[in-house]
Amino acid sequence: MHEVDKVIGQRLTSSVPLVAQISQYIIAAGGKRLRPALLLMVCGALGYRGSHRHSLAAVVELIHTATLLHDDVVDASTLRRGRPTANETFGNPASVLVGDFLHTRSFQMMVEAGSMRIMEILSEATNVIAEGEVLQLMNMHDASLDEAGYLRVIRSKTAKLFEASARLGAVLADSPPAIEEACATYGQALGTAFQIIDDVLDYDGDAEEMGKNLGDDLREGKSTLPLIAAMQRGSADQAQIVREAIEQGSTEQLAQVVHIVRETGALEVTRAAAFAEARRAIAAAELLPGNAHTSGLLELAAQLLARRH
């Protein structure tokens, strides 16, 4: 990961000062770096030690960072990772344009690997992510969204880059198709579980630990699994309160909505869905060679369920 950070630092140079300033601002905020770590761990599990693993891990982190810059503008977010968002600090136009720069820089870097297969994986992933973003926008303030519709969004918007990161590790290691698919399945399931738990924490987390405002999803009119489950399991009156909060994008009744989500057992239902995805990830990882890196992949899937931020 130290080598990946070095690559990121080297490739964020630009003759336009604001580009480098905003890029460094959001990268320096840290974050979990799960996607590049996942690529490196899969490479380790499958025995690939070449330098392309560092550059492609940097690529997936830049793609992720570009989506964060655009997301925060679309969602009008003001806080990420415990500090003001780039759009809050530098304005929306600069954030959107620098997000575009990070996307294009990532494509410059992926070309250097000299593999059409790698280009195919990453270009498809970025396209699916963009579709997921638009799908989520269409679903805003829609209280009729069901679990299948919710999963479709997060598998596109969030899990796809996890899937691509894990698949890239297998491709770099020149793995057979069955192992490549096992890695892709692991990444998709891990990414899905990650997002489901993230949505749990919007109603059961600590704002200071998470580094973002609680209730942001509700304010944005997002119908996430905790709310879907609460409407299914609650009384007619409780379902109506949650439905109106989603449709109006209002946090005025946030305390009441949080109470309903907790009282109806919606958080337990949502955590169970995350647990099922984590089990799917573990089953896929068990097909990989037994070594310390594979053990790390298994542990990552297990620990994901206990995250609090």
Protein backbone atom coordinates (compact mmCIF):
# COMPACT_ATOMS: atom_id res chain seq x y z
CA MET A 1 0.00 0.00 0.00
CA HIS A 2 2.97 2.31 0.60
CA GLU A 3 4.04 1.69 -3.01
CA VAL A 4 0.48 2.36 -4.20
CA ASP A 5 0.42 5.68 -2.35
CA LYS A 6 3.73 6.59 -3.99
CA VAL A 7 2.26 5.89 -7.43
CA ILE A 8 -0.83 7.97 -6.62
CA GLY A 9 1.33 10.88 -5.46
CA GLN A 10 3.48 10.73 -8.59
CA ARG A 11 0.51 10.60 -10.98
CA LEU A 12 -1.53 13.43 -9.47
CA THR A 13 0.79 16.01 -10.95
CA SER A 14 -0.71 18.63 -13.25
CA SER A 15 0.35 21.93 -14.78
CA VAL A 16 -2.96 23.31 -13.50
CA PRO A 17 -2.44 24.06 -9.78
CA LEU A 18 -6.10 23.65 -8.73
CA VAL A 19 -6.21 20.13 -10.20
CA ALA A 20 -3.32 18.98 -8.05
CA GLN A 21 -4.63 20.88 -5.01
CA ILE A 22 -8.08 19.27 -5.03
CA SER A 23 -6.73 15.84 -5.97
CA GLN A 24 -4.28 15.92 -3.08
CA TYR A 25 -6.98 17.26 -0.73
CA ILE A 26 -9.28 14.28 -1.19
CA ILE A 27 -6.52 11.64 -1.41
CA ALA A 28 -4.88 13.02 1.74
CA ALA A 29 -8.17 12.58 3.60
CA GLY A 30 -7.26 8.90 3.77
CA GLY A 31 -10.05 6.37 3.77
CA LYS A 32 -10.03 2.62 3.97
CA ARG A 33 -8.28 2.01 0.63
CA LEU A 34 -10.21 -1.28 0.47
CA ARG A 35 -10.30 -1.56 -3.31
CA PRO A 36 -6.54 -1.28 -3.94
CA ALA A 37 -5.88 -3.47 -0.88
CA LEU A 38 -8.23 -6.08 -2.33
CA LEU A 39 -6.35 -6.10 -5.64
CA LEU A 40 -3.00 -6.50 -3.84
CA MET A 41 -4.33 -9.29 -1.61
CA VAL A 42 -5.68 -11.26 -4.60
CA CYS A 43 -2.35 -10.82 -6.39
CA GLY A 44 -0.62 -12.14 -3.28
CA ALA A 45 -2.99 -15.08 -2.95
CA LEU A 46 -2.37 -16.06 -6.58
CA GLY A 47 1.39 -15.45 -6.54
CA TYR A 48 1.71 -12.36 -8.77
CA ARG A 49 4.53 -10.02 -7.69
CA GLY A 50 4.91 -7.76 -10.76
CA SER A 51 4.88 -3.95 -10.59
CA HIS A 52 1.58 -3.66 -12.48
CA ARG A 53 -0.20 -4.55 -9.25
CA HIS A 54 0.85 -1.21 -7.74
CA SER A 55 -0.15 0.91 -10.74
CA LEU A 56 -3.52 -0.82 -11.19
CA ALA A 57 -4.26 -0.60 -7.47
CA ALA A 58 -3.63 3.15 -7.83
CA VAL A 59 -5.96 3.21 -10.84
CA VAL A 60 -8.90 1.70 -8.93
CA GLU A 61 -8.34 4.15 -6.07
CA LEU A 62 -8.35 7.10 -8.50
CA ILE A 63 -11.56 5.84 -10.12
CA HIS A 64 -13.12 5.52 -6.67
CA THR A 65 -11.94 9.01 -5.69
CA ALA A 66 -13.41 10.47 -8.89
CA THR A 67 -16.79 8.94 -8.05
CA LEU A 68 -16.59 10.42 -4.53
CA LEU A 69 -16.00 13.91 -5.93
CA HIS A 70 -19.00 13.58 -8.23
CA ASP A 71 -21.16 11.85 -5.57
CA ASP A 72 -20.66 14.63 -3.05
CA VAL A 73 -21.76 17.23 -5.60
CA VAL A 74 -24.86 15.23 -6.60
CA ASP A 75 -25.75 14.54 -2.95
CA ALA A 76 -24.86 18.07 -1.77
CA SER A 77 -22.73 16.42 0.96
CA THR A 78 -20.76 18.65 3.29
CA LEU A 79 -18.75 16.14 5.33
CA ARG A 80 -16.64 13.12 4.34
CA ARG A 81 -14.02 11.27 6.40
CA GLY A 82 -14.43 13.80 9.19
CA ARG A 83 -13.62 16.92 7.15
CA PRO A 84 -15.42 19.24 4.73
CA THR A 85 -16.00 17.70 1.30
CA ALA A 86 -14.08 19.05 -1.70
CA ASN A 87 -17.25 20.65 -3.07
CA GLU A 88 -17.83 22.37 0.27
CA THR A 89 -14.25 23.69 0.22
CA PHE A 90 -13.60 24.42 -3.47
CA GLY A 91 -17.10 24.58 -4.96
CA ASN A 92 -19.13 22.27 -7.19
CA PRO A 93 -17.67 23.19 -10.61
CA ALA A 94 -14.08 22.56 -9.53
CA SER A 95 -15.01 19.26 -7.85
CA VAL A 96 -16.81 17.94 -10.94
CA LEU A 97 -13.99 18.92 -13.29
CA VAL A 98 -11.24 17.50 -11.09
CA GLY A 99 -13.29 14.29 -10.80
CA ASP A 100 -13.18 14.19 -14.61
CA PHE A 101 -9.40 14.68 -14.47
CA LEU A 102 -9.00 11.73 -12.10
CA HIS A 103 -11.09 9.53 -14.43
CA THR A 104 -9.02 10.46 -17.48
CA ARG A 105 -5.72 10.09 -15.59
CA SER A 106 -6.78 6.62 -14.47
CA PHE A 107 -7.40 5.67 -18.12
CA GLN A 108 -3.95 6.97 -19.10
CA MET A 109 -2.45 4.75 -16.40
CA MET A 110 -4.41 1.59 -17.25
CA VAL A 111 -3.21 1.78 -20.87
CA GLU A 112 0.35 1.40 -19.60
CA ALA A 113 -0.35 -2.18 -18.52
CA GLY A 114 -0.56 -3.05 -22.24
CA SER A 115 -3.50 -5.41 -21.83
CA MET A 116 -6.80 -5.15 -23.66
CA ARG A 117 -8.33 -7.46 -21.06
CA ILE A 118 -7.44 -5.03 -18.26
CA MET A 119 -8.81 -2.13 -20.31
CA GLU A 120 -12.01 -4.11 -20.89
CA ILE A 121 -12.51 -4.85 -17.17
CA LEU A 122 -11.91 -1.27 -16.02
CA SER A 123 -13.82 0.46 -18.81
CA GLU A 124 -16.81 -1.82 -18.22
CA ALA A 125 -16.62 -1.21 -14.47
CA THR A 126 -16.58 2.59 -14.85
CA ASN A 127 -19.53 2.39 -17.24
CA VAL A 128 -21.56 0.21 -14.87
CA ILE A 129 -20.74 2.54 -11.96
CA ALA A 130 -22.01 5.51 -13.99
CA GLU A 131 -25.22 3.61 -14.79
CA GLY A 132 -25.62 2.81 -11.09
CA GLU A 133 -25.26 6.49 -10.22
CA VAL A 134 -27.99 7.43 -12.70
CA LEU A 135 -30.19 4.58 -11.45
CA GLN A 136 -29.81 5.82 -7.89
CA LEU A 137 -30.71 9.34 -9.02
CA MET A 138 -33.88 7.99 -10.66
CA ASN A 139 -34.77 6.17 -7.43
CA MET A 140 -34.42 9.25 -5.21
CA HIS A 141 -37.54 9.91 -3.12
CA ASP A 142 -39.10 6.65 -4.36
CA ALA A 143 -40.50 4.87 -1.30
CA SER A 144 -41.77 1.99 -3.46
CA LEU A 145 -38.25 0.70 -4.20
CA ASP A 146 -37.95 -2.96 -3.16
CA GLU A 147 -34.93 -4.99 -2.03
CA ALA A 148 -34.20 -6.22 -5.57
CA GLY A 149 -34.11 -2.66 -6.88
CA TYR A 150 -31.91 -1.57 -3.98
CA LEU A 151 -29.45 -4.43 -4.61
CA ARG A 152 -29.32 -3.58 -8.32
CA VAL A 153 -28.16 -0.06 -7.46
CA ILE A 154 -25.48 -1.02 -4.95
CA ARG A 155 -24.13 -3.88 -7.09
CA SER A 156 -23.62 -1.34 -9.87
CA LYS A 157 -22.62 1.73 -7.90
CA THR A 158 -20.44 0.20 -5.17
CA ALA A 159 -19.79 -3.51 -5.64
CA LYS A 160 -18.70 -3.28 -9.29
CA LEU A 161 -15.36 -1.65 -8.49
CA PHE A 162 -14.72 -4.23 -5.74
CA GLU A 163 -15.48 -6.93 -8.30
CA ALA A 164 -13.17 -5.35 -10.89
CA SER A 165 -10.35 -4.95 -8.34
CA ALA A 166 -10.46 -8.63 -7.40
CA ARG A 167 -10.80 -9.75 -11.03
CA LEU A 168 -7.77 -7.65 -12.02
CA GLY A 169 -5.65 -9.47 -9.47
CA ALA A 170 -6.61 -12.78 -11.05
CA VAL A 171 -5.95 -11.48 -14.59
CA LEU A 172 -2.52 -10.17 -13.60
CA ALA A 173 -1.72 -13.62 -12.17
CA ASP A 174 -2.87 -15.22 -15.45
CA SER A 175 -5.35 -17.39 -13.54
CA PRO A 176 -7.68 -19.93 -15.16
CA PRO A 177 -11.30 -18.79 -15.79
CA ALA A 178 -12.70 -20.61 -12.73
CA ILE A 179 -10.31 -18.80 -10.37
CA GLU A 180 -10.92 -15.46 -12.09
CA GLU A 181 -14.67 -15.89 -11.60
CA ALA A 182 -14.18 -16.91 -7.95
CA CYS A 183 -12.19 -13.71 -7.38
CA ALA A 184 -14.85 -11.62 -9.14
CA THR A 185 -17.58 -13.25 -7.04
CA TYR A 186 -15.59 -12.54 -3.87
CA GLY A 187 -15.21 -8.87 -4.83
CA GLN A 188 -18.86 -8.41 -5.75
CA ALA A 189 -20.11 -10.09 -2.57
CA LEU A 190 -17.64 -8.16 -0.40
CA GLY A 191 -18.61 -4.84 -2.01
CA THR A 192 -22.31 -5.59 -1.59
CA ALA A 193 -21.85 -6.48 2.09
CA PHE A 194 -19.74 -3.34 2.58
CA GLN A 195 -22.49 -1.07 1.20
CA ILE A 196 -25.27 -2.82 3.12
CA ILE A 197 -23.36 -2.30 6.38
CA ASP A 198 -22.69 1.31 5.35
CA ASP A 199 -26.45 1.79 5.04
CA VAL A 200 -26.97 0.21 8.47
CA LEU A 201 -24.53 2.69 9.99
CA ASP A 202 -26.55 5.64 8.70
CA TYR A 203 -29.12 4.65 11.34
CA ASP A 204 -26.95 2.83 13.87
CA GLY A 205 -23.54 4.49 13.69
CA ASP A 206 -21.56 7.23 15.40
CA ALA A 207 -21.21 10.41 13.32
CA GLU A 208 -17.78 11.19 14.76
CA GLU A 209 -16.44 7.69 14.06
CA MET A 210 -17.94 7.61 10.56
CA GLY A 211 -16.77 11.08 9.59
CA LYS A 212 -20.08 11.97 7.97
CA ASN A 213 -23.47 13.24 9.05
CA LEU A 214 -26.00 10.67 10.24
CA GLY A 215 -29.26 10.80 8.34
CA ASP A 216 -27.62 11.91 5.09
CA ASP A 217 -29.29 9.06 3.18
CA LEU A 218 -32.72 10.14 4.41
CA ARG A 219 -32.05 13.79 3.58
CA GLU A 220 -31.11 12.73 0.04
CA GLY A 221 -34.31 10.68 -0.28
CA LYS A 222 -32.48 7.35 -0.58
CA SER A 223 -34.61 4.29 0.08
CA THR A 224 -31.98 1.99 1.58
CA LEU A 225 -32.48 -1.52 2.95
CA PRO A 226 -33.02 -0.47 6.61
CA LEU A 227 -35.90 1.77 5.49
CA ILE A 228 -37.30 -0.82 3.08
CA ALA A 229 -37.29 -3.44 5.85
CA ALA A 230 -38.81 -1.00 8.36
CA MET A 231 -41.72 -0.23 6.01
CA GLN A 232 -42.29 -3.95 5.44
CA ARG A 233 -42.16 -4.90 9.12
CA GLY A 234 -43.71 -1.85 10.79
CA SER A 235 -47.33 -0.89 11.35
CA ALA A 236 -49.24 1.07 8.73
CA ASP A 237 -48.60 4.29 10.67
CA GLN A 238 -44.88 3.55 11.02
CA ALA A 239 -44.58 2.70 7.32
CA GLN A 240 -46.33 5.96 6.44
CA ILE A 241 -43.88 8.02 8.54
CA VAL A 242 -40.89 6.40 6.83
CA ARG A 243 -42.50 6.71 3.39
CA GLU A 244 -43.16 10.43 3.84
CA ALA A 245 -39.61 11.03 5.10
CA ILE A 246 -38.18 9.37 1.97
CA GLU A 247 -40.52 11.17 -0.41
CA GLN A 248 -39.90 14.57 1.19
CA GLY A 249 -36.17 14.05 1.81
CA SER A 250 -36.70 15.45 5.28
CA THR A 251 -34.67 14.80 8.43
CA GLU A 252 -37.19 16.61 10.64
CA GLN A 253 -38.47 13.23 11.80
CA LEU A 254 -35.04 11.56 11.79
CA ALA A 255 -35.24 10.59 15.47
CA GLN A 256 -38.64 8.99 14.90
CA VAL A 257 -37.47 7.18 11.75
CA VAL A 258 -34.38 5.87 13.56
CA HIS A 259 -36.64 4.64 16.38
CA ILE A 260 -38.90 2.84 13.87
CA VAL A 261 -35.93 1.27 12.07
CA ARG A 262 -34.60 -0.05 15.37
CA GLU A 263 -37.94 -1.07 16.88
CA THR A 264 -39.10 -3.05 13.84
CA GLY A 265 -35.93 -5.16 13.71
CA ALA A 266 -35.01 -3.66 10.33
CA LEU A 267 -31.36 -3.37 11.33
CA GLU A 268 -31.21 -7.08 12.15
CA VAL A 269 -32.81 -7.91 8.78
CA THR A 270 -30.29 -5.68 7.00
CA ARG A 271 -27.31 -7.12 8.89
CA ALA A 272 -28.55 -10.62 7.98
CA ALA A 273 -28.47 -9.61 4.30
CA ALA A 274 -24.90 -8.38 4.74
CA PHE A 275 -23.99 -11.64 6.52
CA ALA A 276 -25.34 -13.65 3.56
CA GLU A 277 -23.14 -11.66 1.18
CA ALA A 278 -20.12 -12.10 3.45
CA ARG A 279 -20.73 -15.86 3.49
CA ARG A 280 -20.85 -15.80 -0.32
CA ALA A 281 -17.50 -13.97 -0.38
CA ILE A 282 -15.97 -16.49 2.03
CA ALA A 283 -17.17 -19.43 -0.07
CA ALA A 284 -15.54 -17.90 -3.15
CA ALA A 285 -12.25 -17.16 -1.36
CA GLU A 286 -12.06 -20.76 -0.14
CA LEU A 287 -11.47 -21.78 -3.77
CA LEU A 288 -8.15 -19.90 -3.84
CA PRO A 289 -4.76 -21.39 -2.85
CA GLY A 290 -4.28 -21.66 0.91
CA ASN A 291 -1.78 -19.00 2.05
CA ALA A 292 -1.52 -15.91 4.25
CA HIS A 293 -3.08 -13.63 1.62
CA THR A 294 -6.10 -15.90 1.18
CA SER A 295 -6.46 -16.03 4.96
CA GLY A 296 -6.48 -12.23 4.88
CA LEU A 297 -9.29 -12.24 2.31
CA LEU A 298 -11.33 -14.61 4.49
CA GLU A 299 -10.70 -12.47 7.57
CA LEU A 300 -11.63 -9.28 5.70
CA ALA A 301 -15.03 -10.70 4.78
CA ALA A 302 -15.63 -11.83 8.36
CA GLN A 303 -14.53 -8.56 9.96
CA LEU A 304 -16.62 -6.45 7.60
CA LEU A 305 -19.73 -7.36 9.57
CA ALA A 306 -18.30 -5.83 12.75
CA ARG A 307 -17.36 -2.45 11.24
CA ARG A 308 -18.62 0.67 13.00
CA HIS A 309 -17.43 3.32 10.52
